[in-house]
Amino acid sequence: MKQYELNTNDSTQTLSFAAKLAEHLLPGDVITLEGDLGAGKTTFTKGLAQGLGVKRTVNSPTFTIIKEYAGRMPLYHMDVYRVGDTFEDLGFDEYFEGDGVTVVEWAHLIEEQLPSERLTIFLYHESQEKRKMVFVPKGERYEQLCKEIFS
């Protein structure tokens, strides 16, 4: 499985790249974000939201678990860090198979609930502002998506 890497020098570059990615997204796409606290998961999601035409302020859904935003298609932003064993009751499948784009922070915590095909993005601190992002496409749709955005 091919991986793609991107380094950004500040949050503006992260936002810009995520907005560019959003232009290629389709209803039903699932993006999972992994990384330490403060690595840029929510910043990346803000960029996706901008690219999807979301007008509302996007922030981490840590205590609400799922936030929905309206844009050219819905954005479902999940933070499953505090889900624990309750995930079976939350109906994640409806979001993953829905008419919008789903972004899941801390997705490894619900691995068994995730669709097998998705784009996983690992975010790493390189310094105070710099980030390294590793894109791991799972499935033909996401392999093609990465080829489009990294060409």
C-alpha atoms as a PDB file:
ATOM      1  CA  MET A   1       0.000   0.000   0.000  1.00  0.00           C
ATOM      2  CA  LYS A   2       1.473   3.308  -1.089  1.00  0.00           C
ATOM      3  CA  GLN A   3       1.743   6.162   1.392  1.00  0.00           C
ATOM      4  CA  TYR A   4       1.977   9.855   0.649  1.00  0.00           C
ATOM      5  CA  GLU A   5       3.744  12.441   2.800  1.00  0.00           C
ATOM      6  CA  LEU A   6       3.323  16.167   3.170  1.00  0.00           C
ATOM      7  CA  ASN A   7       5.184  18.624   5.370  1.00  0.00           C
ATOM      8  CA  THR A   8       3.638  21.950   6.312  1.00  0.00           C
ATOM      9  CA  ASN A   9       5.397  24.917   7.885  1.00  0.00           C
ATOM     10  CA  ASP A  10       2.391  26.432   9.636  1.00  0.00           C
ATOM     11  CA  SER A  11      -1.329  26.019  10.231  1.00  0.00           C
ATOM     12  CA  THR A  12      -2.160  28.135   7.159  1.00  0.00           C
ATOM     13  CA  GLN A  13      -0.521  25.545   4.908  1.00  0.00           C
ATOM     14  CA  THR A  14      -2.356  22.734   6.701  1.00  0.00           C
ATOM     15  CA  LEU A  15      -5.688  24.532   6.232  1.00  0.00           C
ATOM     16  CA  SER A  16      -4.926  25.213   2.574  1.00  0.00           C
ATOM     17  CA  PHE A  17      -4.006  21.621   1.766  1.00  0.00           C
ATOM     18  CA  ALA A  18      -7.083  20.278   3.550  1.00  0.00           C
ATOM     19  CA  ALA A  19      -9.285  22.705   1.595  1.00  0.00           C
ATOM     20  CA  LYS A  20      -7.676  21.441  -1.631  1.00  0.00           C
ATOM     21  CA  LEU A  21      -8.431  17.852  -0.589  1.00  0.00           C
ATOM     22  CA  ALA A  22     -12.062  18.791   0.130  1.00  0.00           C
ATOM     23  CA  GLU A  23     -12.533  19.802  -3.504  1.00  0.00           C
ATOM     24  CA  HIS A  24     -12.067  16.138  -4.467  1.00  0.00           C
ATOM     25  CA  LEU A  25     -14.289  14.570  -1.812  1.00  0.00           C
ATOM     26  CA  LEU A  26     -17.552  12.784  -2.536  1.00  0.00           C
ATOM     27  CA  PRO A  27     -20.580  11.884  -0.413  1.00  0.00           C
ATOM     28  CA  GLY A  28     -19.773   8.839   1.698  1.00  0.00           C
ATOM     29  CA  ASP A  29     -16.035   9.540   1.908  1.00  0.00           C
ATOM     30  CA  VAL A  30     -14.457   8.723   5.268  1.00  0.00           C
ATOM     31  CA  ILE A  31     -11.257  10.312   6.553  1.00  0.00           C
ATOM     32  CA  THR A  32      -9.676   9.192   9.799  1.00  0.00           C
ATOM     33  CA  LEU A  33      -7.177  11.371  11.643  1.00  0.00           C
ATOM     34  CA  GLU A  34      -4.558  10.099  14.066  1.00  0.00           C
ATOM     35  CA  GLY A  35      -1.952  12.037  16.014  1.00  0.00           C
ATOM     36  CA  ASP A  36      -0.995  13.334  19.409  1.00  0.00           C
ATOM     37  CA  LEU A  37      -2.898  16.111  21.141  1.00  0.00           C
ATOM     38  CA  GLY A  38      -2.202  19.358  19.336  1.00  0.00           C
ATOM     39  CA  ALA A  39      -0.851  17.657  16.202  1.00  0.00           C
ATOM     40  CA  GLY A  40      -3.375  19.444  13.986  1.00  0.00           C
ATOM     41  CA  LYS A  41      -6.349  17.100  13.621  1.00  0.00           C
ATOM     42  CA  THR A  42      -8.939  19.792  14.236  1.00  0.00           C
ATOM     43  CA  THR A  43      -6.984  22.327  12.163  1.00  0.00           C
ATOM     44  CA  PHE A  44      -7.016  19.856   9.282  1.00  0.00           C
ATOM     45  CA  THR A  45     -10.771  19.405   9.715  1.00  0.00           C
ATOM     46  CA  LYS A  46     -11.250  23.191   9.661  1.00  0.00           C
ATOM     47  CA  GLY A  47      -9.501  23.256   6.291  1.00  0.00           C
ATOM     48  CA  LEU A  48     -11.760  20.491   4.974  1.00  0.00           C
ATOM     49  CA  ALA A  49     -14.761  22.465   6.181  1.00  0.00           C
ATOM     50  CA  GLN A  50     -13.549  25.580   4.357  1.00  0.00           C
ATOM     51  CA  GLY A  51     -13.127  23.553   1.174  1.00  0.00           C
ATOM     52  CA  LEU A  52     -16.652  22.164   1.580  1.00  0.00           C
ATOM     53  CA  GLY A  53     -18.088  25.669   1.964  1.00  0.00           C
ATOM     54  CA  VAL A  54     -18.972  25.350   5.651  1.00  0.00           C
ATOM     55  CA  LYS A  55     -19.688  28.805   7.087  1.00  0.00           C
ATOM     56  CA  ARG A  56     -19.921  27.891  10.799  1.00  0.00           C
ATOM     57  CA  THR A  57     -16.936  27.829  13.111  1.00  0.00           C
ATOM     58  CA  VAL A  58     -15.507  24.320  13.350  1.00  0.00           C
ATOM     59  CA  ASN A  59     -14.116  23.153  16.661  1.00  0.00           C
ATOM     60  CA  SER A  60     -13.371  19.841  18.300  1.00  0.00           C
ATOM     61  CA  PRO A  61     -16.440  17.768  19.159  1.00  0.00           C
ATOM     62  CA  THR A  62     -14.637  16.228  22.154  1.00  0.00           C
ATOM     63  CA  PHE A  63     -17.601  16.380  24.518  1.00  0.00           C
ATOM     64  CA  THR A  64     -20.408  16.038  21.986  1.00  0.00           C
ATOM     65  CA  ILE A  65     -18.676  13.251  19.986  1.00  0.00           C
ATOM     66  CA  ILE A  66     -20.319  14.206  16.659  1.00  0.00           C
ATOM     67  CA  LYS A  67     -20.870  17.634  15.118  1.00  0.00           C
ATOM     68  CA  GLU A  68     -22.622  18.171  11.806  1.00  0.00           C
ATOM     69  CA  TYR A  69     -21.895  21.092   9.504  1.00  0.00           C
ATOM     70  CA  ALA A  70     -23.724  22.160   6.344  1.00  0.00           C
ATOM     71  CA  GLY A  71     -21.736  22.978   3.217  1.00  0.00           C
ATOM     72  CA  ARG A  72     -21.871  21.867  -0.419  1.00  0.00           C
ATOM     73  CA  MET A  73     -22.336  18.499   1.278  1.00  0.00           C
ATOM     74  CA  PRO A  74     -22.604  17.726   4.989  1.00  0.00           C
ATOM     75  CA  LEU A  75     -19.467  17.367   7.099  1.00  0.00           C
ATOM     76  CA  TYR A  76     -19.717  14.936  10.008  1.00  0.00           C
ATOM     77  CA  HIS A  77     -16.901  15.621  12.466  1.00  0.00           C
ATOM     78  CA  MET A  78     -16.375  12.960  15.125  1.00  0.00           C
ATOM     79  CA  ASP A  79     -14.004  12.853  18.060  1.00  0.00           C
ATOM     80  CA  VAL A  80     -14.218   9.377  19.561  1.00  0.00           C
ATOM     81  CA  TYR A  81     -11.537   9.872  22.213  1.00  0.00           C
ATOM     82  CA  ARG A  82     -14.073   9.591  25.054  1.00  0.00           C
ATOM     83  CA  VAL A  83     -16.454   7.083  23.495  1.00  0.00           C
ATOM     84  CA  GLY A  84     -15.296   4.049  25.478  1.00  0.00           C
ATOM     85  CA  ASP A  85     -17.626   1.070  25.063  1.00  0.00           C
ATOM     86  CA  THR A  86     -20.716   3.069  24.063  1.00  0.00           C
ATOM     87  CA  PHE A  87     -19.952   3.284  20.330  1.00  0.00           C
ATOM     88  CA  GLU A  88     -22.466   0.590  19.383  1.00  0.00           C
ATOM     89  CA  ASP A  89     -25.324   2.921  20.343  1.00  0.00           C
ATOM     90  CA  LEU A  90     -24.155   5.938  18.338  1.00  0.00           C
ATOM     91  CA  GLY A  91     -25.059   4.788  14.813  1.00  0.00           C
ATOM     92  CA  PHE A  92     -21.710   5.513  13.182  1.00  0.00           C
ATOM     93  CA  ASP A  93     -22.748   3.418  10.150  1.00  0.00           C
ATOM     94  CA  GLU A  94     -25.404   5.969   9.233  1.00  0.00           C
ATOM     95  CA  TYR A  95     -22.736   8.649   8.980  1.00  0.00           C
ATOM     96  CA  PHE A  96     -20.196   6.485   7.140  1.00  0.00           C
ATOM     97  CA  GLU A  97     -22.810   5.538   4.556  1.00  0.00           C
ATOM     98  CA  GLY A  98     -24.494   8.939   4.498  1.00  0.00           C
ATOM     99  CA  ASP A  99     -24.620  11.804   2.050  1.00  0.00           C
ATOM    100  CA  GLY A 100     -21.687  13.722   3.490  1.00  0.00           C
ATOM    101  CA  VAL A 101     -18.015  13.464   4.359  1.00  0.00           C
ATOM    102  CA  THR A 102     -17.112  11.897   7.694  1.00  0.00           C
ATOM    103  CA  VAL A 103     -13.960  12.861   9.603  1.00  0.00           C
ATOM    104  CA  VAL A 104     -13.054  10.765  12.652  1.00  0.00           C
ATOM    105  CA  GLU A 105     -10.419  11.895  15.148  1.00  0.00           C
ATOM    106  CA  TRP A 106      -8.811   9.132  17.283  1.00  0.00           C
ATOM    107  CA  ALA A 107     -10.330   6.571  14.890  1.00  0.00           C
ATOM    108  CA  HIS A 108      -8.177   3.678  16.129  1.00  0.00           C
ATOM    109  CA  LEU A 109     -10.452   3.573  19.191  1.00  0.00           C
ATOM    110  CA  ILE A 110     -13.366   2.388  17.029  1.00  0.00           C
ATOM    111  CA  GLU A 111     -11.346   0.426  14.464  1.00  0.00           C
ATOM    112  CA  GLU A 112     -13.882  -2.400  14.309  1.00  0.00           C
ATOM    113  CA  GLN A 113     -16.659   0.059  13.450  1.00  0.00           C
ATOM    114  CA  LEU A 114     -14.826   1.820  10.608  1.00  0.00           C
ATOM    115  CA  PRO A 115     -15.420   1.046   6.961  1.00  0.00           C
ATOM    116  CA  SER A 116     -12.586  -1.001   5.464  1.00  0.00           C
ATOM    117  CA  GLU A 117     -12.101   1.616   2.730  1.00  0.00           C
ATOM    118  CA  ARG A 118     -11.061   5.057   3.947  1.00  0.00           C
ATOM    119  CA  LEU A 119      -8.263   7.601   3.959  1.00  0.00           C
ATOM    120  CA  THR A 120      -6.206   7.560   7.142  1.00  0.00           C
ATOM    121  CA  ILE A 121      -4.036  10.584   7.868  1.00  0.00           C
ATOM    122  CA  PHE A 122      -1.370  10.532  10.566  1.00  0.00           C
ATOM    123  CA  LEU A 123      -0.268  13.961  11.824  1.00  0.00           C
ATOM    124  CA  TYR A 124       3.068  14.422  13.567  1.00  0.00           C
ATOM    125  CA  HIS A 125       4.746  17.372  15.309  1.00  0.00           C
ATOM    126  CA  GLU A 126       7.995  18.279  13.588  1.00  0.00           C
ATOM    127  CA  SER A 127       8.388  21.500  15.591  1.00  0.00           C
ATOM    128  CA  GLN A 128       6.179  24.165  17.173  1.00  0.00           C
ATOM    129  CA  GLU A 129       4.506  25.007  13.836  1.00  0.00           C
ATOM    130  CA  LYS A 130       5.703  22.364  11.390  1.00  0.00           C
ATOM    131  CA  ARG A 131       3.699  19.207  10.806  1.00  0.00           C
ATOM    132  CA  LYS A 132       4.328  16.017   8.906  1.00  0.00           C
ATOM    133  CA  MET A 133       1.262  14.289   7.485  1.00  0.00           C
ATOM    134  CA  VAL A 134       1.264  10.718   6.225  1.00  0.00           C
ATOM    135  CA  PHE A 135      -1.689   9.737   4.037  1.00  0.00           C
ATOM    136  CA  VAL A 136      -2.555   6.036   3.928  1.00  0.00           C
ATOM    137  CA  PRO A 137      -5.287   5.224   1.400  1.00  0.00           C
ATOM    138  CA  LYS A 138      -7.286   2.049   2.026  1.00  0.00           C
ATOM    139  CA  GLY A 139      -9.201   1.017  -1.063  1.00  0.00           C
ATOM    140  CA  GLU A 140      -9.216   1.980  -4.723  1.00  0.00           C
ATOM    141  CA  ARG A 141     -11.303   5.139  -4.229  1.00  0.00           C
ATOM    142  CA  TYR A 142      -8.774   6.572  -1.769  1.00  0.00           C
ATOM    143  CA  GLU A 143      -5.742   5.450  -3.743  1.00  0.00           C
ATOM    144  CA  GLN A 144      -7.124   7.389  -6.718  1.00  0.00           C
ATOM    145  CA  LEU A 145      -7.908  10.374  -4.490  1.00  0.00           C
ATOM    146  CA  CYS A 146      -4.317  10.506  -3.257  1.00  0.00           C
ATOM    147  CA  LYS A 147      -2.983  10.272  -6.801  1.00  0.00           C
ATOM    148  CA  GLU A 148      -5.178  13.246  -7.741  1.00  0.00           C
ATOM    149  CA  ILE A 149      -4.185  15.498  -4.862  1.00  0.00           C
ATOM    150  CA  PHE A 150      -0.482  14.611  -4.872  1.00  0.00           C
ATOM    151  CA  SER A 151       0.061  14.912  -8.630  1.00  0.00           C
END
